[in-house]
Amino acid sequence: MLPLKKRPSLWLMPIFLIVALVYLSSYTDMDSVLGNGPAAVSGASTTLLFSCLLASIGSSLESSRERSSRGVLELSSRGYSARIFDRLWPTFLAASVIQIVIVVYLLVPSGQLFEPKLWLVVVGYLLAILAHSAFGYLLGQWLPGRFAVPLALVLSYLFLAFTGTSDYFPIHYLAGMTLNGCCMAAQSLDYRAVWTLIVFSSLISIGFLALAGNSNPLAKKKISGRASKGKYALGYSFIVFALVAGLSISSPLDGTPVVNDAAEDFTCTGHRPKVCLNEVQRFGGDRSELVAQSVRILSDLGFPEADRVTAERNDDAKVVQTGVLVTSFEPWYTDDQVVYAAASSYSAEVLNHLCDNDDYDKQYAAFEVLQDWSTAYALRSVLGIDTESSNQKLRSMSPRQQQDWALTTYEQLSRCEVPQLPKGSK
């Protein structure tokens, strides 16, 4: 067994870890993981780029070194399992440390570090690392190091890039990097994406290692042709099976691996209206009353009164028909963002149901002015924050005329009509 100082992946690990942390801090909004464990553990998928590349490079280096130095005595005295464990454990450990450090770094602010279900995602990450390790080992067994190492780097990168950008969405989940599309506060991770990663990575790792244990196809055969063909058939069969199984599991998924939280995941408090938020949305403190005030201010003017305001993701709800008004809410919202989001709920509902006709552009222009006015009115009434944008667009109207215009515009847009824009609006 080689001393640890001669294991390339172990001295490459600090470099890759620093780069991964810098990358993560540059492109990840840490506010988005507050109270949101699924978003945190899924966000760690972006750094698979670094841990998987380290796994592929390190294992190809180890494997090519073994290929060039071992002799007949080693081949006959040491079993294949012992040799492959000896070569792969430093690389797998180094890459796994990087990924686990990133996961912990993101899970701590979410407050869900010890949530068992989230660590199933980490199992998927580790199996993805194992797959790249096995691939690098295979290349090192078949090719000299000067070819195996750069090829391992390039092919692993191309696989991660291709699976993340393909127009066929089920392919995205074979590598795991697109898990970072999860999750808003009212959503949860679709674990079919995780099981795709687990099943695919497990099976293809077996296939790569089976091929690596076979004789080098580019060298003279040292075992019988029948045995060689059998081992090749086994390895390639597992690779094909991995693709079929992985794509079968991920076939129902679209571009974002999320499911909307069910109504029972939300707790309703207060009255006139009730405000329903889930556990993630309450992480930064319960601000249900602020939401209720923002909606009540507008319903007192004549907008439809809501029995219940919910932060569920439900684009089909109409407050007039169901008494349910849908708003957006994230735990990192400031008070003015909470008021803005709640006051936007009426105009957002209209936007979700704008008619698809030749007047869409005119209707959308009216929607923008309506949203601008309703949010400015709520911010001024609830928090005392005055904005000038709505006054600029409605400056020719008195406050009462502005309110009448807003109510009329809301009703007209709900009926697919084209409202009259106020004088001075663009």
Protein backbone atom coordinates (compact mmCIF):
# COMPACT_ATOMS: atom_id res chain seq x y z
CA MET A 1 0.00 0.00 0.00
CA LEU A 2 1.32 3.43 -0.96
CA PRO A 3 1.95 6.06 1.75
CA LEU A 4 -0.70 8.79 1.94
CA LYS A 5 1.74 11.49 0.79
CA LYS A 6 1.90 9.72 -2.57
CA ARG A 7 -1.89 9.75 -3.01
CA PRO A 8 -2.53 12.61 -5.47
CA SER A 9 -6.20 13.07 -4.59
CA LEU A 10 -5.39 13.81 -0.95
CA TRP A 11 -3.11 16.74 -1.73
CA LEU A 12 -5.44 17.94 -4.49
CA MET A 13 -8.41 17.95 -2.08
CA PRO A 14 -7.66 21.29 -0.33
CA ILE A 15 -7.32 23.05 -3.67
CA PHE A 16 -10.62 21.68 -4.98
CA LEU A 17 -12.35 22.43 -1.68
CA ILE A 18 -11.24 26.08 -1.69
CA VAL A 19 -12.35 26.50 -5.31
CA ALA A 20 -15.70 24.86 -4.54
CA LEU A 21 -16.34 27.15 -1.57
CA VAL A 22 -15.41 30.26 -3.57
CA TYR A 23 -17.67 29.14 -6.41
CA LEU A 24 -20.53 28.41 -4.02
CA SER A 25 -20.27 31.74 -2.22
CA SER A 26 -20.18 33.58 -5.54
CA TYR A 27 -23.27 31.98 -7.09
CA THR A 28 -25.46 30.94 -4.16
CA ASP A 29 -27.87 33.24 -2.36
CA MET A 30 -27.57 32.09 1.25
CA ASP A 31 -30.92 33.71 2.08
CA SER A 32 -32.61 31.10 -0.09
CA VAL A 33 -31.62 28.28 2.29
CA LEU A 34 -32.88 29.88 5.51
CA GLY A 35 -35.19 27.33 7.09
CA ASN A 36 -35.28 25.43 3.82
CA GLY A 37 -33.41 22.12 4.13
CA PRO A 38 -34.38 20.79 0.67
CA ALA A 39 -33.09 23.98 -0.98
CA ALA A 40 -29.87 23.76 1.03
CA VAL A 41 -29.01 20.13 0.28
CA SER A 42 -30.05 20.54 -3.36
CA GLY A 43 -27.93 23.66 -3.73
CA ALA A 44 -24.89 21.56 -2.89
CA SER A 45 -25.33 19.74 -6.20
CA THR A 46 -23.56 22.58 -8.03
CA THR A 47 -20.25 21.57 -6.45
CA LEU A 48 -20.48 18.06 -7.86
CA LEU A 49 -18.55 19.68 -10.69
CA PHE A 50 -15.50 19.82 -8.44
CA SER A 51 -15.88 16.67 -6.36
CA CYS A 52 -16.65 14.47 -9.38
CA LEU A 53 -13.77 15.90 -11.41
CA LEU A 54 -11.40 15.28 -8.51
CA ALA A 55 -12.73 11.72 -8.25
CA SER A 56 -12.20 11.07 -11.95
CA ILE A 57 -8.73 12.64 -12.11
CA GLY A 58 -7.49 11.07 -8.88
CA SER A 59 -8.65 7.56 -9.69
CA SER A 60 -7.22 7.69 -13.21
CA LEU A 61 -3.86 8.74 -11.73
CA GLU A 62 -3.99 5.90 -9.19
CA SER A 63 -5.09 3.38 -11.77
CA SER A 64 -2.53 4.32 -14.42
CA ARG A 65 0.21 4.14 -11.77
CA GLU A 66 -0.97 0.65 -10.85
CA ARG A 67 -1.12 -0.36 -14.51
CA SER A 68 2.47 0.67 -15.16
CA SER A 69 4.01 -0.77 -11.98
CA ARG A 70 2.28 -4.02 -11.07
CA GLY A 71 3.72 -7.40 -12.01
CA VAL A 72 2.63 -11.00 -12.33
CA LEU A 73 3.18 -11.61 -8.60
CA GLU A 74 0.75 -8.83 -7.62
CA LEU A 75 -1.84 -10.01 -10.11
CA SER A 76 -1.75 -13.54 -8.81
CA SER A 77 -1.42 -12.80 -5.06
CA ARG A 78 -3.92 -9.97 -4.62
CA GLY A 79 -7.59 -10.22 -5.42
CA TYR A 80 -9.25 -7.69 -7.66
CA SER A 81 -11.49 -6.34 -4.86
CA ALA A 82 -8.48 -5.72 -2.61
CA ARG A 83 -6.56 -3.93 -5.37
CA ILE A 84 -9.45 -1.71 -6.38
CA PHE A 85 -10.25 -0.77 -2.77
CA ASP A 86 -6.64 0.16 -2.18
CA ARG A 87 -6.59 2.38 -5.28
CA LEU A 88 -10.00 4.03 -4.95
CA TRP A 89 -10.50 4.76 -1.25
CA PRO A 90 -8.22 7.85 -1.06
CA THR A 91 -9.83 9.42 -4.12
CA PHE A 92 -13.36 8.59 -3.05
CA LEU A 93 -12.69 9.88 0.46
CA ALA A 94 -11.14 13.15 -0.73
CA ALA A 95 -14.00 13.93 -3.14
CA SER A 96 -16.61 12.90 -0.57
CA VAL A 97 -15.11 15.23 2.04
CA ILE A 98 -15.51 18.15 -0.36
CA GLN A 99 -19.15 17.35 -1.03
CA ILE A 100 -20.04 16.73 2.62
CA VAL A 101 -18.37 19.98 3.74
CA ILE A 102 -20.47 21.87 1.18
CA VAL A 103 -23.66 20.13 2.32
CA VAL A 104 -23.01 20.94 5.98
CA TYR A 105 -22.09 24.53 5.07
CA LEU A 106 -25.52 24.98 3.45
CA LEU A 107 -27.59 22.91 5.88
CA VAL A 108 -26.47 24.73 9.05
CA PRO A 109 -28.33 28.00 8.26
CA SER A 110 -31.38 25.98 7.22
CA GLY A 111 -31.72 24.57 10.73
CA GLN A 112 -32.24 21.07 9.32
CA LEU A 113 -28.76 19.59 9.54
CA PHE A 114 -30.00 16.44 11.25
CA GLU A 115 -33.07 15.80 9.09
CA PRO A 116 -32.58 12.13 8.03
CA LYS A 117 -34.46 12.38 4.73
CA LEU A 118 -32.15 15.11 3.47
CA TRP A 119 -29.12 12.87 3.89
CA LEU A 120 -30.56 10.50 1.30
CA VAL A 121 -29.59 13.23 -1.18
CA VAL A 122 -26.04 13.07 0.18
CA VAL A 123 -26.03 9.32 -0.48
CA GLY A 124 -26.85 10.15 -4.09
CA TYR A 125 -23.95 12.61 -4.24
CA LEU A 126 -21.53 10.04 -2.86
CA LEU A 127 -22.66 7.43 -5.37
CA ALA A 128 -22.17 9.96 -8.18
CA ILE A 129 -18.62 10.48 -6.90
CA LEU A 130 -18.14 6.70 -6.85
CA ALA A 131 -19.29 6.50 -10.49
CA HIS A 132 -16.72 9.07 -11.59
CA SER A 133 -14.07 7.31 -9.52
CA ALA A 134 -14.88 4.01 -11.21
CA PHE A 135 -14.79 5.69 -14.63
CA GLY A 136 -11.37 7.19 -13.95
CA TYR A 137 -10.11 3.83 -12.72
CA LEU A 138 -11.36 2.19 -15.91
CA LEU A 139 -9.51 4.68 -18.11
CA GLY A 140 -6.34 4.23 -16.08
CA GLN A 141 -6.51 0.48 -16.60
CA TRP A 142 -6.97 0.75 -20.33
CA LEU A 143 -4.74 3.72 -21.21
CA PRO A 144 -1.34 5.12 -20.22
CA GLY A 145 -1.50 7.90 -17.64
CA ARG A 146 -0.61 10.63 -20.13
CA PHE A 147 -3.86 9.81 -21.97
CA ALA A 148 -6.05 8.50 -19.15
CA VAL A 149 -5.83 11.55 -16.86
CA PRO A 150 -6.75 14.30 -19.36
CA LEU A 151 -9.38 12.06 -20.92
CA ALA A 152 -10.91 11.40 -17.48
CA LEU A 153 -11.07 15.15 -16.85
CA VAL A 154 -12.59 15.99 -20.23
CA LEU A 155 -15.12 13.14 -20.38
CA SER A 156 -16.34 13.64 -16.81
CA TYR A 157 -16.79 17.35 -17.47
CA LEU A 158 -18.60 16.71 -20.74
CA PHE A 159 -20.93 14.25 -19.04
CA LEU A 160 -21.82 16.77 -16.34
CA ALA A 161 -22.26 19.54 -18.91
CA PHE A 162 -24.32 17.46 -21.33
CA THR A 163 -26.69 16.07 -18.74
CA GLY A 164 -27.24 19.55 -17.31
CA THR A 165 -28.04 21.23 -20.64
CA SER A 166 -29.85 18.58 -22.66
CA ASP A 167 -33.29 19.48 -24.02
CA TYR A 168 -34.51 16.08 -22.79
CA PHE A 169 -35.17 16.77 -19.11
CA PRO A 170 -34.95 13.18 -17.75
CA ILE A 171 -31.26 13.11 -18.74
CA HIS A 172 -30.62 16.04 -16.37
CA TYR A 173 -31.02 13.86 -13.31
CA LEU A 174 -28.46 11.20 -14.24
CA ALA A 175 -25.61 13.40 -13.00
CA GLY A 176 -27.40 15.19 -10.15
CA MET A 177 -26.22 18.75 -10.77
CA THR A 178 -29.69 20.01 -11.73
CA LEU A 179 -31.06 19.26 -8.28
CA ASN A 180 -30.20 22.87 -7.51
CA GLY A 181 -33.49 23.89 -9.16
CA CYS A 182 -35.15 23.06 -5.82
CA CYS A 183 -36.90 24.68 -3.91
CA MET A 184 -39.04 27.70 -3.09
CA ALA A 185 -40.50 27.86 0.40
CA ALA A 186 -43.81 26.38 -0.76
CA GLN A 187 -42.14 23.47 -2.54
CA SER A 188 -40.35 20.24 -1.66
CA LEU A 189 -37.77 18.17 -3.47
CA ASP A 190 -39.13 15.50 -5.81
CA TYR A 191 -37.24 12.45 -4.58
CA ARG A 192 -37.64 10.68 -7.91
CA ALA A 193 -34.72 12.87 -9.00
CA VAL A 194 -32.67 11.58 -6.07
CA TRP A 195 -33.53 7.94 -6.76
CA THR A 196 -32.56 8.47 -10.40
CA LEU A 197 -29.12 9.57 -9.26
CA ILE A 198 -28.79 6.71 -6.77
CA VAL A 199 -29.86 3.93 -9.13
CA PHE A 200 -27.97 5.21 -12.17
CA SER A 201 -24.74 5.87 -10.27
CA SER A 202 -24.83 2.51 -8.47
CA LEU A 203 -25.37 0.45 -11.60
CA ILE A 204 -22.95 2.30 -13.83
CA SER A 205 -20.24 2.07 -11.14
CA ILE A 206 -20.60 -1.71 -11.20
CA GLY A 207 -20.38 -1.67 -14.99
CA PHE A 208 -17.21 0.44 -15.03
CA LEU A 209 -15.51 -1.67 -12.37
CA ALA A 210 -16.45 -4.89 -14.17
CA LEU A 211 -14.84 -3.57 -17.34
CA ALA A 212 -11.79 -2.34 -15.43
CA GLY A 213 -11.29 -5.82 -13.98
CA ASN A 214 -11.17 -7.29 -17.44
CA SER A 215 -8.11 -7.46 -19.61
CA ASN A 216 -7.03 -4.33 -21.42
CA PRO A 217 -8.71 -4.38 -24.86
CA LEU A 218 -5.77 -2.41 -26.28
CA ALA A 219 -3.19 -4.95 -25.09
CA LYS A 220 -2.56 -8.63 -25.67
CA LYS A 221 -5.11 -10.93 -24.10
CA LYS A 222 -4.03 -12.71 -20.94
CA ILE A 223 -7.22 -14.61 -20.33
CA SER A 224 -9.34 -16.82 -22.49
CA GLY A 225 -11.48 -15.22 -25.17
CA ARG A 226 -14.66 -16.73 -23.73
CA ALA A 227 -13.98 -15.34 -20.23
CA SER A 228 -13.03 -11.99 -21.70
CA LYS A 229 -16.25 -11.74 -23.70
CA GLY A 230 -18.27 -12.70 -20.64
CA LYS A 231 -16.72 -9.96 -18.53
CA TYR A 232 -17.19 -7.37 -21.24
CA ALA A 233 -20.82 -8.42 -21.63
CA LEU A 234 -21.36 -8.06 -17.88
CA GLY A 235 -19.83 -4.59 -17.76
CA TYR A 236 -21.65 -3.23 -20.78
CA SER A 237 -24.92 -4.79 -19.61
CA PHE A 238 -24.73 -2.87 -16.33
CA ILE A 239 -24.02 0.38 -18.18
CA VAL A 240 -27.02 -0.09 -20.45
CA PHE A 241 -29.17 -1.15 -17.51
CA ALA A 242 -28.07 1.96 -15.61
CA LEU A 243 -29.20 4.22 -18.46
CA VAL A 244 -32.53 2.44 -18.90
CA ALA A 245 -33.31 2.34 -15.17
CA GLY A 246 -32.25 5.94 -14.57
CA LEU A 247 -34.24 7.36 -17.47
CA SER A 248 -37.28 5.26 -16.50
CA ILE A 249 -37.34 6.75 -13.03
CA SER A 250 -36.76 10.32 -14.21
CA SER A 251 -39.09 10.19 -17.23
CA PRO A 252 -42.03 11.92 -15.45
CA LEU A 253 -39.83 14.83 -14.31
CA ASP A 254 -39.60 18.18 -16.03
CA GLY A 255 -36.90 20.82 -15.79
CA THR A 256 -37.25 21.47 -12.05
CA PRO A 257 -37.26 18.59 -9.52
CA VAL A 258 -39.92 19.98 -7.20
CA VAL A 259 -43.41 19.18 -5.96
CA ASN A 260 -45.71 21.80 -4.52
CA ASP A 261 -46.49 21.43 -0.84
CA ALA A 262 -49.97 20.10 -0.12
CA ALA A 263 -52.61 22.19 1.69
CA GLU A 264 -52.15 20.15 4.87
CA ASP A 265 -48.53 21.35 5.08
CA PHE A 266 -49.79 24.87 5.81
CA THR A 267 -50.98 26.15 9.18
CA CYS A 268 -53.66 28.84 9.17
CA THR A 269 -53.85 31.55 11.83
CA GLY A 270 -55.91 34.70 12.39
CA HIS A 271 -59.21 35.74 10.86
CA ARG A 272 -60.47 38.15 8.21
CA PRO A 273 -58.58 36.74 6.49
CA LYS A 274 -56.91 33.58 7.73
CA VAL A 275 -53.27 33.43 6.64
CA CYS A 276 -51.78 30.03 5.84
CA LEU A 277 -48.01 29.54 5.90
CA ASN A 278 -45.88 26.41 6.12
CA GLU A 279 -43.03 25.66 8.52
CA VAL A 280 -40.34 27.01 6.19
CA GLN A 281 -42.17 30.29 5.69
CA ARG A 282 -42.46 30.78 9.46
CA PHE A 283 -38.73 30.17 10.01
CA GLY A 284 -37.90 33.87 10.27
CA GLY A 285 -40.84 34.57 12.59
CA ASP A 286 -44.60 34.55 12.15
CA ARG A 287 -45.63 37.60 10.14
CA SER A 288 -49.11 36.40 9.28
CA GLU A 289 -50.71 39.55 10.64
CA LEU A 290 -48.61 41.70 8.31
CA VAL A 291 -49.89 39.67 5.38
CA ALA A 292 -53.46 39.98 6.65
CA GLN A 293 -53.19 43.76 7.06
CA SER A 294 -51.84 44.17 3.53
CA VAL A 295 -54.73 42.21 2.01
CA ARG A 296 -57.35 43.76 4.28
CA ILE A 297 -56.28 47.27 3.26
CA LEU A 298 -57.19 46.46 -0.35
CA SER A 299 -60.36 44.47 0.37
CA ASP A 300 -61.66 47.41 2.42
CA LEU A 301 -61.41 49.50 -0.77
CA GLY A 302 -63.63 47.06 -2.66
CA PHE A 303 -61.32 44.31 -3.92
CA PRO A 304 -62.83 40.84 -3.38
CA GLU A 305 -62.60 39.84 0.27
CA ALA A 306 -60.56 36.70 0.86
CA ASP A 307 -61.55 34.15 3.48
CA ARG A 308 -58.08 32.67 3.34
CA VAL A 309 -54.72 33.94 2.11
CA THR A 310 -52.31 31.11 1.40
CA ALA A 311 -48.72 30.91 0.27
CA GLU A 312 -49.38 27.65 -1.58
CA ARG A 313 -48.38 27.51 -5.22
CA ASN A 314 -51.80 27.38 -6.88
CA ASP A 315 -52.16 29.36 -10.08
CA ASP A 316 -55.73 28.13 -10.63
CA ALA A 317 -57.27 29.73 -7.53
CA LYS A 318 -59.59 32.73 -8.00
CA VAL A 319 -60.57 34.69 -4.94
CA VAL A 320 -64.02 35.55 -6.30
CA GLN A 321 -64.90 31.89 -6.88
CA THR A 322 -63.11 30.18 -3.99
CA GLY A 323 -62.45 32.87 -1.40
CA VAL A 324 -58.77 31.89 -1.55
CA LEU A 325 -56.12 34.47 -2.42
CA VAL A 326 -52.66 33.15 -3.28
CA THR A 327 -49.60 35.12 -2.25
CA SER A 328 -45.86 34.50 -2.29
CA PHE A 329 -43.81 34.32 0.88
CA GLU A 330 -40.18 33.44 1.60
CA PRO A 331 -38.67 33.38 5.10
CA TRP A 332 -36.01 35.92 4.12
CA TYR A 333 -38.52 38.59 3.05
CA THR A 334 -38.18 41.94 4.80
CA ASP A 335 -41.37 43.59 6.10
CA ASP A 336 -41.72 45.76 3.00
CA GLN A 337 -41.24 42.69 0.79
CA VAL A 338 -43.96 40.87 2.74
CA VAL A 339 -46.35 43.77 2.23
CA TYR A 340 -45.37 44.11 -1.43
CA ALA A 341 -45.94 40.41 -2.10
CA ALA A 342 -49.27 40.33 -0.28
CA ALA A 343 -50.53 43.49 -1.98
CA SER A 344 -49.47 42.07 -5.36
CA SER A 345 -51.71 39.04 -4.87
CA TYR A 346 -54.75 40.56 -6.58
CA SER A 347 -52.84 41.77 -9.63
CA ALA A 348 -50.85 38.49 -9.75
CA GLU A 349 -54.09 36.54 -9.85
CA VAL A 350 -55.23 38.60 -12.82
CA LEU A 351 -51.88 38.04 -14.55
CA ASN A 352 -52.24 34.28 -14.19
CA HIS A 353 -55.55 34.45 -16.02
CA LEU A 354 -54.86 37.06 -18.70
CA CYS A 355 -56.58 36.11 -21.92
CA ASP A 356 -54.47 34.92 -24.80
CA ASN A 357 -55.64 37.28 -27.51
CA ASP A 358 -54.49 40.22 -29.62
CA ASP A 359 -54.97 42.63 -26.70
CA TYR A 360 -52.53 40.85 -24.39
CA ASP A 361 -49.93 43.64 -24.52
CA LYS A 362 -52.51 46.27 -23.59
CA GLN A 363 -53.84 44.10 -20.78
CA TYR A 364 -50.34 43.50 -19.46
CA ALA A 365 -49.63 47.24 -19.47
CA ALA A 366 -52.75 47.77 -17.36
CA PHE A 367 -51.67 44.96 -15.03
CA GLU A 368 -48.31 46.69 -14.43
CA VAL A 369 -50.00 49.97 -13.46
CA LEU A 370 -52.48 48.11 -11.23
CA GLN A 371 -49.69 46.27 -9.43
CA ASP A 372 -47.69 49.46 -9.07
CA TRP A 373 -50.64 51.28 -7.52
CA SER A 374 -51.82 48.48 -5.20
CA THR A 375 -48.37 47.81 -3.76
CA ALA A 376 -47.64 51.52 -3.27
CA TYR A 377 -51.00 51.98 -1.54
CA ALA A 378 -50.39 49.05 0.82
CA LEU A 379 -46.81 50.10 1.64
CA ARG A 380 -48.02 53.60 2.48
CA SER A 381 -51.02 52.42 4.50
CA VAL A 382 -49.35 49.58 6.44
CA LEU A 383 -45.73 50.66 6.85
CA GLY A 384 -45.85 54.37 6.09
CA ILE A 385 -43.50 53.95 3.14
CA ASP A 386 -44.31 56.42 0.37
CA THR A 387 -43.35 55.69 -3.22
CA GLU A 388 -43.50 58.08 -6.13
CA SER A 389 -43.95 55.68 -9.02
CA SER A 390 -47.70 55.34 -8.76
CA ASN A 391 -48.14 59.10 -8.27
CA GLN A 392 -46.23 59.69 -11.51
CA LYS A 393 -48.47 57.33 -13.47
CA LEU A 394 -51.73 58.45 -11.85
CA ARG A 395 -50.82 62.05 -11.13
CA SER A 396 -53.83 63.47 -12.95
CA MET A 397 -56.27 61.66 -10.60
CA SER A 398 -57.35 62.31 -7.06
CA PRO A 399 -56.84 59.54 -4.48
CA ARG A 400 -60.50 58.52 -4.81
CA GLN A 401 -60.26 58.43 -8.59
CA GLN A 402 -57.14 56.28 -8.35
CA GLN A 403 -59.00 53.79 -6.16
CA ASP A 404 -61.96 53.70 -8.56
CA TRP A 405 -59.61 53.16 -11.50
CA ALA A 406 -57.83 50.30 -9.72
CA LEU A 407 -61.10 48.51 -8.86
CA THR A 408 -62.49 48.98 -12.37
CA THR A 409 -59.23 47.78 -13.94
CA TYR A 410 -59.19 44.67 -11.75
CA GLU A 411 -62.76 43.81 -12.75
CA GLN A 412 -62.13 44.47 -16.45
CA LEU A 413 -58.97 42.36 -16.54
CA SER A 414 -60.86 39.56 -14.77
CA ARG A 415 -63.36 39.64 -17.67
CA CYS A 416 -60.62 39.75 -20.35
CA GLU A 417 -61.45 43.33 -21.22
CA VAL A 418 -58.93 46.04 -22.03
CA PRO A 419 -58.92 48.77 -19.36
CA GLN A 420 -58.39 52.44 -20.07
CA LEU A 421 -54.87 53.36 -18.95
CA PRO A 422 -54.65 56.46 -16.75
CA LYS A 423 -53.31 59.64 -18.25
CA GLY A 424 -49.54 59.86 -17.92
CA SER A 425 -48.89 56.12 -17.87
CA LYS A 426 -46.67 54.52 -20.45
